[in-house]
């Protein structure tokens, strides 16, 4: 259960915003990213969609990826 879903948004090679399933919300790293993170965190449908990605993508594919790596 050490799986974490991370989605990062980059602009000009700088990480602007990140969603981490362990934190459960968006975090901004630039002035623009902080504003975007605040907007996205206030949207319940966007947050619930991102939280569901861990189950929909990561946990669904973990066994395939683990088997392929071995």
PDB file of N, CA and C in Angstrom:
ATOM      1  N   UNK A   1       0.819  -1.199   0.000  1.00  0.00           N
ATOM      2  CA  UNK A   1       0.000   0.000   0.000  1.00  0.00           C
ATOM      3  C   UNK A   1       0.862   1.261   0.000  1.00  0.00           C
ATOM      4  N   UNK A   2       2.091   1.127  -0.450  1.00  0.00           N
ATOM      5  CA  UNK A   2       2.993   2.277  -0.531  1.00  0.00           C
ATOM      6  C   UNK A   2       2.903   2.977  -1.875  1.00  0.00           C
ATOM      7  N   UNK A   3       1.747   2.923  -2.498  1.00  0.00           N
ATOM      8  CA  UNK A   3       1.556   3.524  -3.813  1.00  0.00           C
ATOM      9  C   UNK A   3       1.069   4.956  -3.632  1.00  0.00           C
ATOM     10  N   UNK A   4       1.646   5.858  -4.416  1.00  0.00           N
ATOM     11  CA  UNK A   4       1.243   7.258  -4.375  1.00  0.00           C
ATOM     12  C   UNK A   4       1.038   7.749  -5.794  1.00  0.00           C
ATOM     13  N   UNK A   5      -0.059   8.447  -6.034  1.00  0.00           N
ATOM     14  CA  UNK A   5      -0.337   9.058  -7.332  1.00  0.00           C
ATOM     15  C   UNK A   5       0.099  10.516  -7.265  1.00  0.00           C
ATOM     16  N   UNK A   6       0.950  10.919  -8.210  1.00  0.00           N
ATOM     17  CA  UNK A   6       1.424  12.300  -8.273  1.00  0.00           C
ATOM     18  C   UNK A   6       1.200  12.813  -9.689  1.00  0.00           C
ATOM     19  N   UNK A   7       0.602  13.984  -9.797  1.00  0.00           N
ATOM     20  CA  UNK A   7       0.472  14.656 -11.090  1.00  0.00           C
ATOM     21  C   UNK A   7       1.063  16.042 -10.940  1.00  0.00           C
ATOM     22  N   UNK A   8       2.069  16.339 -11.755  1.00  0.00           N
ATOM     23  CA  UNK A   8       2.745  17.632 -11.705  1.00  0.00           C
ATOM     24  C   UNK A   8       2.455  18.422 -12.964  1.00  0.00           C
ATOM     25  N   UNK A   9       2.361  19.733 -12.813  1.00  0.00           N
ATOM     26  CA  UNK A   9       2.173  20.651 -13.934  1.00  0.00           C
ATOM     27  C   UNK A   9       3.425  21.515 -14.010  1.00  0.00           C
ATOM     28  N   UNK A  10       4.037  21.537 -15.190  1.00  0.00           N
ATOM     29  CA  UNK A  10       5.268  22.298 -15.399  1.00  0.00           C
ATOM     30  C   UNK A  10       5.033  23.431 -16.384  1.00  0.00           C
ATOM     31  N   UNK A  11       5.746  24.527 -16.186  1.00  0.00           N
ATOM     32  CA  UNK A  11       5.764  25.636 -17.131  1.00  0.00           C
ATOM     33  C   UNK A  11       7.182  26.157 -17.190  1.00  0.00           C
ATOM     34  N   UNK A  12       7.741  26.235 -18.398  1.00  0.00           N
ATOM     35  CA  UNK A  12       9.130  26.676 -18.585  1.00  0.00           C
ATOM     36  C   UNK A  12      10.102  25.876 -17.727  1.00  0.00           C
ATOM     37  N   UNK A  13       9.907  24.577 -17.685  1.00  0.00           N
ATOM     38  CA  UNK A  13      10.779  23.635 -16.979  1.00  0.00           C
ATOM     39  C   UNK A  13      10.754  23.795 -15.452  1.00  0.00           C
ATOM     40  N   UNK A  14       9.805  24.540 -14.931  1.00  0.00           N
ATOM     41  CA  UNK A  14       9.643  24.710 -13.485  1.00  0.00           C
ATOM     42  C   UNK A  14       8.350  24.042 -13.060  1.00  0.00           C
ATOM     43  N   UNK A  15       8.418  23.274 -11.978  1.00  0.00           N
ATOM     44  CA  UNK A  15       7.199  22.667 -11.462  1.00  0.00           C
ATOM     45  C   UNK A  15       6.330  23.773 -10.877  1.00  0.00           C
ATOM     46  N   UNK A  16       5.137  23.861 -11.419  1.00  0.00           N
ATOM     47  CA  UNK A  16       4.210  24.926 -11.078  1.00  0.00           C
ATOM     48  C   UNK A  16       3.235  24.484  -9.987  1.00  0.00           C
ATOM     49  N   UNK A  17       2.635  23.315 -10.198  1.00  0.00           N
ATOM     50  CA  UNK A  17       1.613  22.791  -9.298  1.00  0.00           C
ATOM     51  C   UNK A  17       1.743  21.279  -9.234  1.00  0.00           C
ATOM     52  N   UNK A  18       1.409  20.687  -8.068  1.00  0.00           N
ATOM     53  CA  UNK A  18       1.473  19.230  -7.920  1.00  0.00           C
ATOM     54  C   UNK A  18       0.270  18.747  -7.113  1.00  0.00           C
ATOM     55  N   UNK A  19      -0.302  17.622  -7.573  1.00  0.00           N
ATOM     56  CA  UNK A  19      -1.287  16.914  -6.771  1.00  0.00           C
ATOM     57  C   UNK A  19      -0.640  15.629  -6.300  1.00  0.00           C
ATOM     58  N   UNK A  20      -0.741  15.353  -5.013  1.00  0.00           N
ATOM     59  CA  UNK A  20      -0.214  14.120  -4.444  1.00  0.00           C
ATOM     60  C   UNK A  20      -1.343  13.429  -3.697  1.00  0.00           C
ATOM     61  N   UNK A  21      -1.510  12.133  -3.960  1.00  0.00           N
ATOM     62  CA  UNK A  21      -2.592  11.407  -3.293  1.00  0.00           C
ATOM     63  C   UNK A  21      -2.339  11.281  -1.793  1.00  0.00           C
ATOM     64  N   UNK A  22      -1.101  11.355  -1.355  1.00  0.00           N
ATOM     65  CA  UNK A  22      -0.840  11.267   0.085  1.00  0.00           C
ATOM     66  C   UNK A  22      -1.220  12.566   0.796  1.00  0.00           C
ATOM     67  N   UNK A  23      -1.111  13.700   0.106  1.00  0.00           N
ATOM     68  CA  UNK A  23      -1.518  14.983   0.674  1.00  0.00           C
ATOM     69  C   UNK A  23      -3.021  15.183   0.480  1.00  0.00           C
ATOM     70  N   UNK A  24      -3.527  14.775  -0.688  1.00  0.00           N
ATOM     71  CA  UNK A  24      -4.957  14.867  -0.967  1.00  0.00           C
ATOM     72  C   UNK A  24      -5.418  16.206  -1.493  1.00  0.00           C
ATOM     73  N   UNK A  25      -4.469  17.030  -1.923  1.00  0.00           N
ATOM     74  CA  UNK A  25      -4.832  18.325  -2.492  1.00  0.00           C
ATOM     75  C   UNK A  25      -3.703  18.814  -3.394  1.00  0.00           C
ATOM     76  N   UNK A  26      -3.974  19.901  -4.119  1.00  0.00           N
ATOM     77  CA  UNK A  26      -2.983  20.524  -4.975  1.00  0.00           C
ATOM     78  C   UNK A  26      -2.117  21.457  -4.155  1.00  0.00           C
ATOM     79  N   UNK A  27      -0.836  21.530  -4.518  1.00  0.00           N
ATOM     80  CA  UNK A  27       0.109  22.432  -3.866  1.00  0.00           C
ATOM     81  C   UNK A  27       0.801  23.225  -4.964  1.00  0.00           C
ATOM     82  N   UNK A  28       0.865  24.543  -4.798  1.00  0.00           N
ATOM     83  CA  UNK A  28       1.529  25.405  -5.772  1.00  0.00           C
ATOM     84  C   UNK A  28       2.933  25.741  -5.339  1.00  0.00           C
ATOM     85  N   UNK A  29       3.825  25.866  -6.315  1.00  0.00           N
ATOM     86  CA  UNK A  29       5.226  26.168  -6.028  1.00  0.00           C
ATOM     87  C   UNK A  29       5.670  27.515  -6.579  1.00  0.00           C
ATOM     88  N   UNK A  30       4.843  28.126  -7.421  1.00  0.00           N
ATOM     89  CA  UNK A  30       5.107  29.465  -7.941  1.00  0.00           C
ATOM     90  C   UNK A  30       3.899  30.323  -7.606  1.00  0.00           C
ATOM     91  N   UNK A  31       4.000  31.614  -7.849  1.00  0.00           N
ATOM     92  CA  UNK A  31       2.870  32.503  -7.571  1.00  0.00           C
ATOM     93  C   UNK A  31       1.645  32.069  -8.378  1.00  0.00           C
ATOM     94  N   UNK A  32       1.856  31.798  -9.647  1.00  0.00           N
ATOM     95  CA  UNK A  32       0.765  31.335 -10.508  1.00  0.00           C
ATOM     96  C   UNK A  32       0.256  29.968 -10.058  1.00  0.00           C
ATOM     97  N   UNK A  33       1.158  29.095  -9.672  1.00  0.00           N
ATOM     98  CA  UNK A  33       0.790  27.759  -9.209  1.00  0.00           C
ATOM     99  C   UNK A  33      -0.020  27.781  -7.932  1.00  0.00           C
ATOM    100  N   UNK A  34       0.309  28.699  -7.029  1.00  0.00           N
ATOM    101  CA  UNK A  34      -0.442  28.825  -5.780  1.00  0.00           C
ATOM    102  C   UNK A  34      -1.878  29.249  -6.075  1.00  0.00           C
ATOM    103  N   UNK A  35      -2.054  30.189  -7.018  1.00  0.00           N
ATOM    104  CA  UNK A  35      -3.412  30.618  -7.393  1.00  0.00           C
ATOM    105  C   UNK A  35      -4.187  29.477  -8.032  1.00  0.00           C
ATOM    106  N   UNK A  36      -3.532  28.736  -8.942  1.00  0.00           N
ATOM    107  CA  UNK A  36      -4.196  27.585  -9.573  1.00  0.00           C
ATOM    108  C   UNK A  36      -4.558  26.534  -8.541  1.00  0.00           C
ATOM    109  N   UNK A  37      -3.645  26.241  -7.636  1.00  0.00           N
ATOM    110  CA  UNK A  37      -3.899  25.230  -6.605  1.00  0.00           C
ATOM    111  C   UNK A  37      -5.090  25.630  -5.748  1.00  0.00           C
ATOM    112  N   UNK A  38      -5.173  26.896  -5.387  1.00  0.00           N
ATOM    113  CA  UNK A  38      -6.302  27.359  -4.575  1.00  0.00           C
ATOM    114  C   UNK A  38      -7.616  27.186  -5.323  1.00  0.00           C
ATOM    115  N   UNK A  39      -7.626  27.538  -6.614  1.00  0.00           N
ATOM    116  CA  UNK A  39      -8.843  27.364  -7.422  1.00  0.00           C
ATOM    117  C   UNK A  39      -9.217  25.896  -7.543  1.00  0.00           C
ATOM    118  N   UNK A  40      -8.241  25.052  -7.827  1.00  0.00           N
ATOM    119  CA  UNK A  40      -8.520  23.627  -8.026  1.00  0.00           C
ATOM    120  C   UNK A  40      -8.927  22.956  -6.719  1.00  0.00           C
ATOM    121  N   UNK A  41      -8.361  23.374  -5.600  1.00  0.00           N
ATOM    122  CA  UNK A  41      -8.737  22.801  -4.306  1.00  0.00           C
ATOM    123  C   UNK A  41     -10.151  23.194  -3.891  1.00  0.00           C
ATOM    124  N   UNK A  42     -10.651  24.295  -4.433  1.00  0.00           N
ATOM    125  CA  UNK A  42     -12.017  24.724  -4.132  1.00  0.00           C
ATOM    126  C   UNK A  42     -13.049  24.084  -5.048  1.00  0.00           C
ATOM    127  N   UNK A  43     -12.611  23.266  -5.997  1.00  0.00           N
ATOM    128  CA  UNK A  43     -13.513  22.577  -6.918  1.00  0.00           C
ATOM    129  C   UNK A  43     -13.651  21.126  -6.460  1.00  0.00           C
ATOM    130  N   UNK A  44     -14.771  20.762  -5.798  1.00  0.00           N
ATOM    131  CA  UNK A  44     -14.907  19.408  -5.248  1.00  0.00           C
ATOM    132  C   UNK A  44     -14.855  18.309  -6.311  1.00  0.00           C
ATOM    133  N   UNK A  45     -15.354  18.590  -7.509  1.00  0.00           N
ATOM    134  CA  UNK A  45     -15.334  17.555  -8.546  1.00  0.00           C
ATOM    135  C   UNK A  45     -13.911  17.286  -9.033  1.00  0.00           C
ATOM    136  N   UNK A  46     -13.097  18.331  -9.144  1.00  0.00           N
ATOM    137  CA  UNK A  46     -11.697  18.143  -9.571  1.00  0.00           C
ATOM    138  C   UNK A  46     -10.913  17.377  -8.507  1.00  0.00           C
ATOM    139  N   UNK A  47     -11.122  17.729  -7.233  1.00  0.00           N
ATOM    140  CA  UNK A  47     -10.426  17.031  -6.153  1.00  0.00           C
ATOM    141  C   UNK A  47     -10.837  15.565  -6.070  1.00  0.00           C
ATOM    142  N   UNK A  48     -12.120  15.283  -6.174  1.00  0.00           N
ATOM    143  CA  UNK A  48     -12.567  13.888  -6.082  1.00  0.00           C
ATOM    144  C   UNK A  48     -12.073  13.089  -7.280  1.00  0.00           C
ATOM    145  N   UNK A  49     -11.999  13.720  -8.447  1.00  0.00           N
ATOM    146  CA  UNK A  49     -11.467  13.040  -9.632  1.00  0.00           C
ATOM    147  C   UNK A  49      -9.994  12.690  -9.442  1.00  0.00           C
ATOM    148  N   UNK A  50      -9.213  13.619  -8.918  1.00  0.00           N
ATOM    149  CA  UNK A  50      -7.790  13.364  -8.725  1.00  0.00           C
ATOM    150  C   UNK A  50      -7.559  12.309  -7.637  1.00  0.00           C
ATOM    151  N   UNK A  51      -8.362  12.344  -6.575  1.00  0.00           N
ATOM    152  CA  UNK A  51      -8.225  11.347  -5.516  1.00  0.00           C
ATOM    153  C   UNK A  51      -8.571   9.952  -6.020  1.00  0.00           C
ATOM    154  N   UNK A  52      -9.496   9.864  -6.971  1.00  0.00           N
ATOM    155  CA  UNK A  52      -9.904   8.575  -7.523  1.00  0.00           C
ATOM    156  C   UNK A  52      -8.853   8.000  -8.474  1.00  0.00           C
ATOM    157  N   UNK A  53      -7.935   8.824  -8.963  1.00  0.00           N
ATOM    158  CA  UNK A  53      -6.932   8.349  -9.917  1.00  0.00           C
ATOM    159  C   UNK A  53      -6.002   7.306  -9.317  1.00  0.00           C
ATOM    160  N   UNK A  54      -5.744   7.370  -8.035  1.00  0.00           N
ATOM    161  CA  UNK A  54      -4.885   6.365  -7.396  1.00  0.00           C
ATOM    162  C   UNK A  54      -5.509   4.983  -7.546  1.00  0.00           C
ATOM    163  N   UNK A  55      -6.792   4.882  -7.265  1.00  0.00           N
ATOM    164  CA  UNK A  55      -7.480   3.588  -7.385  1.00  0.00           C
ATOM    165  C   UNK A  55      -7.676   3.199  -8.841  1.00  0.00           C
ATOM    166  N   UNK A  56      -8.050   4.158  -9.669  1.00  0.00           N
ATOM    167  CA  UNK A  56      -8.377   3.857 -11.069  1.00  0.00           C
ATOM    168  C   UNK A  56      -7.141   3.514 -11.888  1.00  0.00           C
ATOM    169  N   UNK A  57      -6.038   4.185 -11.639  1.00  0.00           N
ATOM    170  CA  UNK A  57      -4.850   3.978 -12.463  1.00  0.00           C
ATOM    171  C   UNK A  57      -3.768   3.183 -11.729  1.00  0.00           C
ATOM    172  N   UNK A  58      -3.342   3.662 -10.603  1.00  0.00           N
ATOM    173  CA  UNK A  58      -2.197   3.053  -9.908  1.00  0.00           C
ATOM    174  C   UNK A  58      -2.507   1.644  -9.419  1.00  0.00           C
ATOM    175  N   UNK A  59      -3.532   1.512  -8.604  1.00  0.00           N
ATOM    176  CA  UNK A  59      -3.822   0.210  -8.010  1.00  0.00           C
ATOM    177  C   UNK A  59      -4.291  -0.801  -9.056  1.00  0.00           C
ATOM    178  N   UNK A  60      -4.883  -0.295 -10.135  1.00  0.00           N
ATOM    179  CA  UNK A  60      -5.331  -1.170 -11.213  1.00  0.00           C
ATOM    180  C   UNK A  60      -4.145  -1.766 -11.972  1.00  0.00           C
ATOM    181  N   UNK A  61      -3.072  -1.004 -12.130  1.00  0.00           N
ATOM    182  CA  UNK A  61      -1.927  -1.433 -12.949  1.00  0.00           C
ATOM    183  C   UNK A  61      -0.720  -1.908 -12.151  1.00  0.00           C
ATOM    184  N   UNK A  62      -0.753  -1.830 -10.844  1.00  0.00           N
ATOM    185  CA  UNK A  62       0.440  -2.132 -10.049  1.00  0.00           C
ATOM    186  C   UNK A  62       0.917  -3.572 -10.238  1.00  0.00           C
ATOM    187  N   UNK A  63       0.001  -4.515 -10.296  1.00  0.00           N
ATOM    188  CA  UNK A  63       0.410  -5.910 -10.458  1.00  0.00           C
ATOM    189  C   UNK A  63       1.061  -6.142 -11.813  1.00  0.00           C
ATOM    190  N   UNK A  64       0.513  -5.541 -12.865  1.00  0.00           N
ATOM    191  CA  UNK A  64       1.120  -5.673 -14.208  1.00  0.00           C
ATOM    192  C   UNK A  64       2.525  -5.080 -14.241  1.00  0.00           C
ATOM    193  N   UNK A  65       2.685  -3.896 -13.655  1.00  0.00           N
ATOM    194  CA  UNK A  65       3.996  -3.237 -13.647  1.00  0.00           C
ATOM    195  C   UNK A  65       5.002  -4.033 -12.804  1.00  0.00           C
ATOM    196  N   UNK A  66       4.553  -4.552 -11.677  1.00  0.00           N
ATOM    197  CA  UNK A  66       5.431  -5.322 -10.798  1.00  0.00           C
ATOM    198  C   UNK A  66       5.881  -6.608 -11.488  1.00  0.00           C
ATOM    199  N   UNK A  67       4.964  -7.299 -12.141  1.00  0.00           N
ATOM    200  CA  UNK A  67       5.289  -8.536 -12.854  1.00  0.00           C
ATOM    201  C   UNK A  67       6.250  -8.250 -14.017  1.00  0.00           C
ATOM    202  N   UNK A  68       6.021  -7.168 -14.750  1.00  0.00           N
ATOM    203  CA  UNK A  68       6.884  -6.831 -15.871  1.00  0.00           C
ATOM    204  C   UNK A  68       8.296  -6.478 -15.403  1.00  0.00           C
ATOM    205  N   UNK A  69       8.407  -5.838 -14.236  1.00  0.00           N
ATOM    206  CA  UNK A  69       9.717  -5.440 -13.728  1.00  0.00           C
ATOM    207  C   UNK A  69      10.530  -6.663 -13.280  1.00  0.00           C
ATOM    208  N   UNK A  70       9.856  -7.683 -12.803  1.00  0.00           N
ATOM    209  CA  UNK A  70      10.568  -8.867 -12.353  1.00  0.00           C
ATOM    210  C   UNK A  70      10.929  -9.725 -13.539  1.00  0.00           C
TER     211      UNK A  70
END
